[in-house]
Amino acid sequence: MNRYSEIIKLVAENHGETYSAVYQEIQEALHFAATNPDELARQRYRNTFGDNEPTPEEALEKLTTILRELV
């Protein structure tokens, strides 16, 4: 399990959910962002992730990188 899978596992444990449920919820949130009817929201998504939907692990890695650059 990689670092980001471990984060998903910890979130699941802390919220009394299964790993699969948290993973799926993240996937659904990413898909919603990618297909959001609001053009500005889709543009922000594309600026962050490009044209592909990342896996939850890839999304966490990208978001972690962005946050590190801000501090």
C-alpha atoms as a PDB file:
ATOM      1  CA  MET A   1       0.000   0.000   0.000  1.00  0.00           C
ATOM      2  CA  ASN A   2       1.398   3.379  -0.918  1.00  0.00           C
ATOM      3  CA  ARG A   3       1.336   6.508   1.203  1.00  0.00           C
ATOM      4  CA  TYR A   4      -1.905   7.809  -0.299  1.00  0.00           C
ATOM      5  CA  SER A   5      -3.659   4.462   0.044  1.00  0.00           C
ATOM      6  CA  GLU A   6      -2.680   4.583   3.701  1.00  0.00           C
ATOM      7  CA  ILE A   7      -4.339   7.994   4.013  1.00  0.00           C
ATOM      8  CA  ILE A   8      -7.551   6.600   2.520  1.00  0.00           C
ATOM      9  CA  LYS A   9      -7.351   3.682   4.942  1.00  0.00           C
ATOM     10  CA  LEU A  10      -6.944   6.038   7.923  1.00  0.00           C
ATOM     11  CA  VAL A  11      -9.892   8.178   6.807  1.00  0.00           C
ATOM     12  CA  ALA A  12     -12.011   5.052   6.513  1.00  0.00           C
ATOM     13  CA  GLU A  13     -11.019   3.827   9.961  1.00  0.00           C
ATOM     14  CA  ASN A  14     -11.584   7.234  11.561  1.00  0.00           C
ATOM     15  CA  HIS A  15     -15.063   7.481  10.065  1.00  0.00           C
ATOM     16  CA  GLY A  16     -16.171   3.890  10.580  1.00  0.00           C
ATOM     17  CA  GLU A  17     -16.234   3.226   6.839  1.00  0.00           C
ATOM     18  CA  THR A  18     -14.600   0.648   4.643  1.00  0.00           C
ATOM     19  CA  TYR A  19     -11.613   1.460   2.489  1.00  0.00           C
ATOM     20  CA  SER A  20     -13.732   0.702  -0.587  1.00  0.00           C
ATOM     21  CA  ALA A  21     -16.499   3.084   0.477  1.00  0.00           C
ATOM     22  CA  VAL A  22     -14.085   5.986   0.997  1.00  0.00           C
ATOM     23  CA  TYR A  23     -12.252   5.188  -2.242  1.00  0.00           C
ATOM     24  CA  GLN A  24     -15.539   5.148  -4.161  1.00  0.00           C
ATOM     25  CA  GLU A  25     -16.684   8.396  -2.574  1.00  0.00           C
ATOM     26  CA  ILE A  26     -13.463  10.106  -3.653  1.00  0.00           C
ATOM     27  CA  GLN A  27     -13.873   8.695  -7.173  1.00  0.00           C
ATOM     28  CA  GLU A  28     -17.428  10.005  -7.334  1.00  0.00           C
ATOM     29  CA  ALA A  29     -16.330  13.446  -6.132  1.00  0.00           C
ATOM     30  CA  LEU A  30     -13.598  13.575  -8.778  1.00  0.00           C
ATOM     31  CA  HIS A  31     -16.057  12.518 -11.482  1.00  0.00           C
ATOM     32  CA  PHE A  32     -18.565  15.135 -10.341  1.00  0.00           C
ATOM     33  CA  ALA A  33     -15.882  17.816 -10.488  1.00  0.00           C
ATOM     34  CA  ALA A  34     -14.803  16.700 -13.965  1.00  0.00           C
ATOM     35  CA  THR A  35     -18.369  16.753 -15.300  1.00  0.00           C
ATOM     36  CA  ASN A  36     -19.751  19.647 -13.272  1.00  0.00           C
ATOM     37  CA  PRO A  37     -22.275  21.709 -15.262  1.00  0.00           C
ATOM     38  CA  ASP A  38     -20.532  24.874 -14.047  1.00  0.00           C
ATOM     39  CA  GLU A  39     -17.869  25.771 -16.620  1.00  0.00           C
ATOM     40  CA  LEU A  40     -15.698  27.574 -14.053  1.00  0.00           C
ATOM     41  CA  ALA A  41     -15.689  24.473 -11.837  1.00  0.00           C
ATOM     42  CA  ARG A  42     -14.699  22.254 -14.789  1.00  0.00           C
ATOM     43  CA  GLN A  43     -11.955  24.692 -15.763  1.00  0.00           C
ATOM     44  CA  ARG A  44     -10.532  24.659 -12.234  1.00  0.00           C
ATOM     45  CA  TYR A  45     -10.606  20.854 -12.322  1.00  0.00           C
ATOM     46  CA  ARG A  46      -8.797  20.797 -15.696  1.00  0.00           C
ATOM     47  CA  ASN A  47      -6.224  23.288 -14.404  1.00  0.00           C
ATOM     48  CA  THR A  48      -5.498  20.917 -11.543  1.00  0.00           C
ATOM     49  CA  PHE A  49      -5.818  17.460 -13.117  1.00  0.00           C
ATOM     50  CA  GLY A  50      -5.827  17.994 -16.874  1.00  0.00           C
ATOM     51  CA  ASP A  51      -8.283  16.113 -19.071  1.00  0.00           C
ATOM     52  CA  ASN A  52      -8.000  12.765 -17.285  1.00  0.00           C
ATOM     53  CA  GLU A  53      -9.737  11.666 -14.121  1.00  0.00           C
ATOM     54  CA  PRO A  54      -7.046  10.655 -11.657  1.00  0.00           C
ATOM     55  CA  THR A  55      -7.336   7.777  -9.248  1.00  0.00           C
ATOM     56  CA  PRO A  56      -8.005   8.838  -5.661  1.00  0.00           C
ATOM     57  CA  GLU A  57      -4.334   8.178  -4.865  1.00  0.00           C
ATOM     58  CA  GLU A  58      -3.188  10.326  -7.791  1.00  0.00           C
ATOM     59  CA  ALA A  59      -5.576  13.101  -6.772  1.00  0.00           C
ATOM     60  CA  LEU A  60      -4.286  13.057  -3.183  1.00  0.00           C
ATOM     61  CA  GLU A  61      -0.711  13.171  -4.430  1.00  0.00           C
ATOM     62  CA  LYS A  62      -1.440  16.135  -6.722  1.00  0.00           C
ATOM     63  CA  LEU A  63      -3.360  18.021  -4.027  1.00  0.00           C
ATOM     64  CA  THR A  64      -0.588  17.365  -1.504  1.00  0.00           C
ATOM     65  CA  THR A  65       1.942  18.808  -3.947  1.00  0.00           C
ATOM     66  CA  ILE A  66      -0.199  21.910  -4.480  1.00  0.00           C
ATOM     67  CA  LEU A  67      -0.602  22.440  -0.740  1.00  0.00           C
ATOM     68  CA  ARG A  68       3.142  22.068  -0.151  1.00  0.00           C
ATOM     69  CA  GLU A  69       3.813  24.748  -2.752  1.00  0.00           C
ATOM     70  CA  LEU A  70       1.498  27.130  -0.898  1.00  0.00           C
ATOM     71  CA  VAL A  71       3.339  26.947   2.426  1.00  0.00           C
END
